[in-house]
Amino acid sequence: MNSPSHRSHLWFKPQSLVSRVKYDTWCRGMLLYRNTKSILKIDLFAFENGWVALGKVKDTRLEPYDVSIEFSLSPNFEVNSWVSECTCFAGNR
C-alpha cells in the first residue's frame, strides 16, 4: 500500500493517539503526515489482534528512515494500543 494522495477519510481517530505518544512526537508526526512528500511508503498488514504498519519517511535529513508500528483499534476506531520504532534521529536517542 503506497502513500495515499488523498487523505480526507482516515480509518482511525488520530486524536485517540495523543495520549499514547509524547507531545513532541505527536507534533512531528502530524507535520510529516500533512506533508504528503514526507511519507515515501506504507505497507499495512493484519497481525494477531491488530495491525502492523511498515513505512519509509523522509524529513529534512539526507537519508529516509524506517518506521514500524504495531497497533490495535477499538470497535469505534480509536487506538487501543500503539508501539512504534524508527531508525530516525529521535528514535536513536
N, C-alpha and C. Protein backbone atom coordinates (compact mmCIF):
# COMPACT_ATOMS: atom_id res chain seq x y z
N MET A 1 0.85 -1.17 0.00
CA MET A 1 0.00 0.00 0.00
C MET A 1 0.89 1.23 0.00
N ASN A 2 0.89 1.99 -1.05
CA ASN A 2 1.69 3.20 -1.11
C ASN A 2 0.95 4.35 -0.48
N SER A 3 1.66 5.43 -0.21
CA SER A 3 1.07 6.59 0.44
C SER A 3 -0.12 7.11 -0.35
N PRO A 4 -1.25 7.29 0.31
CA PRO A 4 -2.41 7.80 -0.40
C PRO A 4 -2.22 9.27 -0.74
N SER A 5 -2.70 9.67 -1.91
CA SER A 5 -2.57 11.07 -2.30
C SER A 5 -3.70 11.91 -1.70
N HIS A 6 -4.79 11.27 -1.36
CA HIS A 6 -5.93 11.98 -0.77
C HIS A 6 -6.26 11.35 0.56
N ARG A 7 -6.14 12.12 1.65
CA ARG A 7 -6.26 11.54 2.99
C ARG A 7 -7.42 12.12 3.78
N SER A 8 -8.50 12.44 3.15
CA SER A 8 -9.60 13.07 3.88
C SER A 8 -10.39 12.08 4.72
N HIS A 9 -10.28 10.79 4.45
CA HIS A 9 -11.06 9.79 5.17
C HIS A 9 -10.11 8.80 5.84
N LEU A 10 -9.77 9.07 7.09
CA LEU A 10 -8.90 8.17 7.84
C LEU A 10 -9.72 7.03 8.39
N TRP A 11 -9.10 5.89 8.61
CA TRP A 11 -9.82 4.73 9.11
C TRP A 11 -9.63 4.54 10.60
N PHE A 12 -9.01 5.49 11.28
CA PHE A 12 -9.00 5.52 12.74
C PHE A 12 -8.98 6.97 13.19
N LYS A 13 -9.29 7.19 14.46
CA LYS A 13 -9.37 8.55 15.00
C LYS A 13 -7.99 8.97 15.52
N PRO A 14 -7.27 9.81 14.76
CA PRO A 14 -5.91 10.19 15.17
C PRO A 14 -5.86 10.84 16.55
N GLN A 15 -6.88 11.56 16.93
CA GLN A 15 -6.88 12.23 18.23
C GLN A 15 -6.77 11.22 19.38
N SER A 16 -7.21 9.99 19.16
CA SER A 16 -7.12 8.96 20.20
C SER A 16 -5.68 8.51 20.43
N LEU A 17 -4.77 8.94 19.59
CA LEU A 17 -3.36 8.58 19.72
C LEU A 17 -2.59 9.57 20.60
N VAL A 18 -3.11 10.76 20.79
CA VAL A 18 -2.40 11.82 21.51
C VAL A 18 -1.90 11.36 22.88
N SER A 19 -2.70 10.66 23.64
CA SER A 19 -2.31 10.26 25.00
C SER A 19 -1.33 9.09 25.00
N ARG A 20 -1.05 8.51 23.86
CA ARG A 20 -0.18 7.33 23.79
C ARG A 20 1.25 7.64 23.35
N VAL A 21 1.50 8.87 22.92
CA VAL A 21 2.85 9.25 22.48
C VAL A 21 3.23 10.57 23.13
N LYS A 22 4.52 10.87 23.13
CA LYS A 22 4.98 12.16 23.65
C LYS A 22 4.44 13.28 22.77
N TYR A 23 4.22 14.42 23.39
CA TYR A 23 3.65 15.56 22.67
C TYR A 23 4.52 15.96 21.48
N ASP A 24 5.84 16.00 21.67
CA ASP A 24 6.74 16.36 20.57
C ASP A 24 6.64 15.36 19.42
N THR A 25 6.50 14.09 19.78
CA THR A 25 6.36 13.04 18.76
C THR A 25 5.06 13.23 18.00
N TRP A 26 3.98 13.54 18.70
CA TRP A 26 2.68 13.79 18.07
C TRP A 26 2.79 14.95 17.07
N CYS A 27 3.39 16.06 17.50
CA CYS A 27 3.51 17.24 16.64
C CYS A 27 4.35 16.94 15.40
N ARG A 28 5.47 16.25 15.59
CA ARG A 28 6.35 15.91 14.47
C ARG A 28 5.64 14.95 13.51
N GLY A 29 4.95 13.98 14.05
CA GLY A 29 4.22 13.03 13.21
C GLY A 29 3.14 13.72 12.39
N MET A 30 2.41 14.64 13.00
CA MET A 30 1.37 15.36 12.27
C MET A 30 1.97 16.24 11.18
N LEU A 31 3.11 16.85 11.47
CA LEU A 31 3.80 17.67 10.47
C LEU A 31 4.20 16.81 9.26
N LEU A 32 4.79 15.65 9.53
CA LEU A 32 5.17 14.76 8.44
C LEU A 32 3.95 14.23 7.70
N TYR A 33 2.90 13.90 8.42
CA TYR A 33 1.66 13.39 7.81
C TYR A 33 1.05 14.42 6.86
N ARG A 34 1.05 15.67 7.27
CA ARG A 34 0.44 16.72 6.45
C ARG A 34 1.26 17.03 5.20
N ASN A 35 2.55 16.75 5.25
CA ASN A 35 3.42 16.94 4.10
C ASN A 35 3.47 15.61 3.33
N THR A 36 2.63 15.48 2.35
CA THR A 36 2.48 14.19 1.65
C THR A 36 3.77 13.71 1.02
N LYS A 37 4.74 14.60 0.80
CA LYS A 37 6.01 14.18 0.21
C LYS A 37 6.90 13.49 1.25
N SER A 38 6.58 13.62 2.53
CA SER A 38 7.41 13.04 3.59
C SER A 38 7.23 11.54 3.71
N ILE A 39 6.04 11.04 3.44
CA ILE A 39 5.76 9.61 3.59
C ILE A 39 6.01 8.96 2.23
N LEU A 40 7.10 8.21 2.15
CA LEU A 40 7.51 7.62 0.88
C LEU A 40 6.82 6.30 0.61
N LYS A 41 6.53 5.54 1.69
CA LYS A 41 5.94 4.21 1.50
C LYS A 41 5.27 3.78 2.79
N ILE A 42 4.14 3.10 2.66
CA ILE A 42 3.46 2.49 3.80
C ILE A 42 2.95 1.11 3.36
N ASP A 43 3.30 0.10 4.14
CA ASP A 43 2.74 -1.24 3.94
C ASP A 43 1.99 -1.58 5.22
N LEU A 44 0.78 -2.10 5.08
CA LEU A 44 -0.08 -2.39 6.22
C LEU A 44 -0.46 -3.86 6.19
N PHE A 45 -0.30 -4.53 7.35
CA PHE A 45 -0.57 -5.96 7.45
C PHE A 45 -1.45 -6.24 8.67
N ALA A 46 -2.40 -7.15 8.52
CA ALA A 46 -3.15 -7.65 9.68
C ALA A 46 -2.18 -8.51 10.49
N PHE A 47 -2.22 -8.38 11.82
CA PHE A 47 -1.27 -9.10 12.67
C PHE A 47 -1.92 -9.40 14.00
N GLU A 48 -2.00 -10.67 14.36
CA GLU A 48 -2.60 -11.11 15.62
C GLU A 48 -3.92 -10.38 15.85
N ASN A 49 -4.02 -9.54 16.89
CA ASN A 49 -5.27 -8.83 17.18
C ASN A 49 -5.25 -7.38 16.71
N GLY A 50 -4.42 -7.08 15.75
CA GLY A 50 -4.32 -5.69 15.30
C GLY A 50 -3.65 -5.58 13.95
N TRP A 51 -2.77 -4.60 13.84
CA TRP A 51 -2.15 -4.25 12.57
C TRP A 51 -0.68 -3.95 12.77
N VAL A 52 0.06 -4.09 11.69
CA VAL A 52 1.45 -3.65 11.62
C VAL A 52 1.58 -2.75 10.41
N ALA A 53 2.16 -1.58 10.62
CA ALA A 53 2.45 -0.66 9.52
C ALA A 53 3.96 -0.52 9.42
N LEU A 54 4.48 -0.72 8.22
CA LEU A 54 5.90 -0.54 7.95
C LEU A 54 6.03 0.56 6.92
N GLY A 55 6.88 1.54 7.19
CA GLY A 55 6.97 2.65 6.27
C GLY A 55 8.36 3.21 6.13
N LYS A 56 8.49 4.09 5.17
CA LYS A 56 9.72 4.82 4.93
C LYS A 56 9.33 6.29 4.88
N VAL A 57 10.05 7.11 5.68
CA VAL A 57 9.73 8.52 5.84
C VAL A 57 10.95 9.36 5.51
N LYS A 58 10.72 10.49 4.87
CA LYS A 58 11.79 11.43 4.53
C LYS A 58 11.51 12.74 5.23
N ASP A 59 12.48 13.19 6.03
CA ASP A 59 12.35 14.51 6.64
C ASP A 59 13.44 15.40 6.09
N THR A 60 13.98 16.28 6.88
CA THR A 60 14.98 17.23 6.38
C THR A 60 16.37 16.61 6.25
N ARG A 61 16.58 15.44 6.79
CA ARG A 61 17.89 14.79 6.66
C ARG A 61 18.03 14.16 5.28
N LEU A 62 19.24 13.80 4.93
CA LEU A 62 19.50 13.28 3.59
C LEU A 62 18.87 11.92 3.34
N GLU A 63 18.98 11.03 4.31
CA GLU A 63 18.51 9.66 4.11
C GLU A 63 17.12 9.44 4.71
N PRO A 64 16.22 8.78 3.98
CA PRO A 64 14.93 8.40 4.56
C PRO A 64 15.16 7.41 5.70
N TYR A 65 14.19 7.29 6.60
CA TYR A 65 14.31 6.35 7.70
C TYR A 65 13.10 5.43 7.74
N ASP A 66 13.29 4.29 8.41
CA ASP A 66 12.24 3.27 8.52
C ASP A 66 11.42 3.49 9.77
N VAL A 67 10.14 3.19 9.67
CA VAL A 67 9.21 3.29 10.79
C VAL A 67 8.42 1.99 10.84
N SER A 68 8.25 1.44 12.05
CA SER A 68 7.37 0.28 12.22
C SER A 68 6.43 0.57 13.38
N ILE A 69 5.18 0.19 13.20
CA ILE A 69 4.15 0.44 14.21
C ILE A 69 3.28 -0.81 14.35
N GLU A 70 3.11 -1.27 15.58
CA GLU A 70 2.12 -2.30 15.88
C GLU A 70 1.01 -1.61 16.64
N PHE A 71 -0.24 -1.78 16.18
CA PHE A 71 -1.35 -1.10 16.85
C PHE A 71 -2.63 -1.90 16.73
N SER A 72 -3.57 -1.57 17.61
CA SER A 72 -4.90 -2.16 17.53
C SER A 72 -5.92 -1.04 17.72
N LEU A 73 -7.13 -1.30 17.23
CA LEU A 73 -8.20 -0.32 17.27
C LEU A 73 -9.40 -0.87 18.01
N SER A 74 -10.15 0.02 18.65
CA SER A 74 -11.40 -0.36 19.30
C SER A 74 -12.50 -0.43 18.24
N PRO A 75 -13.66 -0.97 18.59
CA PRO A 75 -14.77 -1.02 17.63
C PRO A 75 -15.20 0.36 17.11
N ASN A 76 -14.92 1.43 17.88
CA ASN A 76 -15.29 2.76 17.39
C ASN A 76 -14.09 3.48 16.76
N PHE A 77 -13.08 2.70 16.35
CA PHE A 77 -11.93 3.18 15.58
C PHE A 77 -10.99 4.09 16.36
N GLU A 78 -10.93 3.92 17.68
CA GLU A 78 -9.94 4.63 18.48
C GLU A 78 -8.76 3.70 18.71
N VAL A 79 -7.59 4.28 18.90
CA VAL A 79 -6.38 3.49 19.11
C VAL A 79 -6.42 2.85 20.49
N ASN A 80 -6.32 1.52 20.53
CA ASN A 80 -6.27 0.75 21.78
C ASN A 80 -4.84 0.56 22.26
N SER A 81 -3.97 0.23 21.32
CA SER A 81 -2.56 0.01 21.65
C SER A 81 -1.72 0.56 20.51
N TRP A 82 -0.47 0.96 20.87
CA TRP A 82 0.40 1.58 19.88
C TRP A 82 1.84 1.41 20.34
N VAL A 83 2.63 0.71 19.56
CA VAL A 83 4.06 0.56 19.83
C VAL A 83 4.77 0.88 18.52
N SER A 84 5.66 1.87 18.57
CA SER A 84 6.34 2.27 17.34
C SER A 84 7.85 2.36 17.56
N GLU A 85 8.57 2.17 16.47
CA GLU A 85 10.02 2.29 16.45
C GLU A 85 10.42 2.94 15.13
N CYS A 86 11.56 3.65 15.16
CA CYS A 86 12.06 4.21 13.91
C CYS A 86 13.59 4.24 13.95
N THR A 87 14.17 4.33 12.77
CA THR A 87 15.61 4.50 12.66
C THR A 87 15.96 5.98 12.56
N CYS A 88 15.02 6.84 12.90
CA CYS A 88 15.23 8.29 12.84
C CYS A 88 16.11 8.75 14.01
N PHE A 89 16.55 9.99 13.94
CA PHE A 89 17.40 10.57 14.98
C PHE A 89 16.72 10.47 16.35
N ALA A 90 15.46 10.83 16.45
CA ALA A 90 14.75 10.81 17.72
C ALA A 90 14.62 9.40 18.27
N GLY A 91 14.46 8.43 17.40
CA GLY A 91 14.33 7.05 17.84
C GLY A 91 15.63 6.44 18.31
N ASN A 92 16.74 7.08 17.99
CA ASN A 92 18.06 6.56 18.38
C ASN A 92 18.67 7.27 19.58
N ARG A 93 17.94 8.19 20.17
CA ARG A 93 18.46 8.92 21.33
C ARG A 93 18.24 8.14 22.60
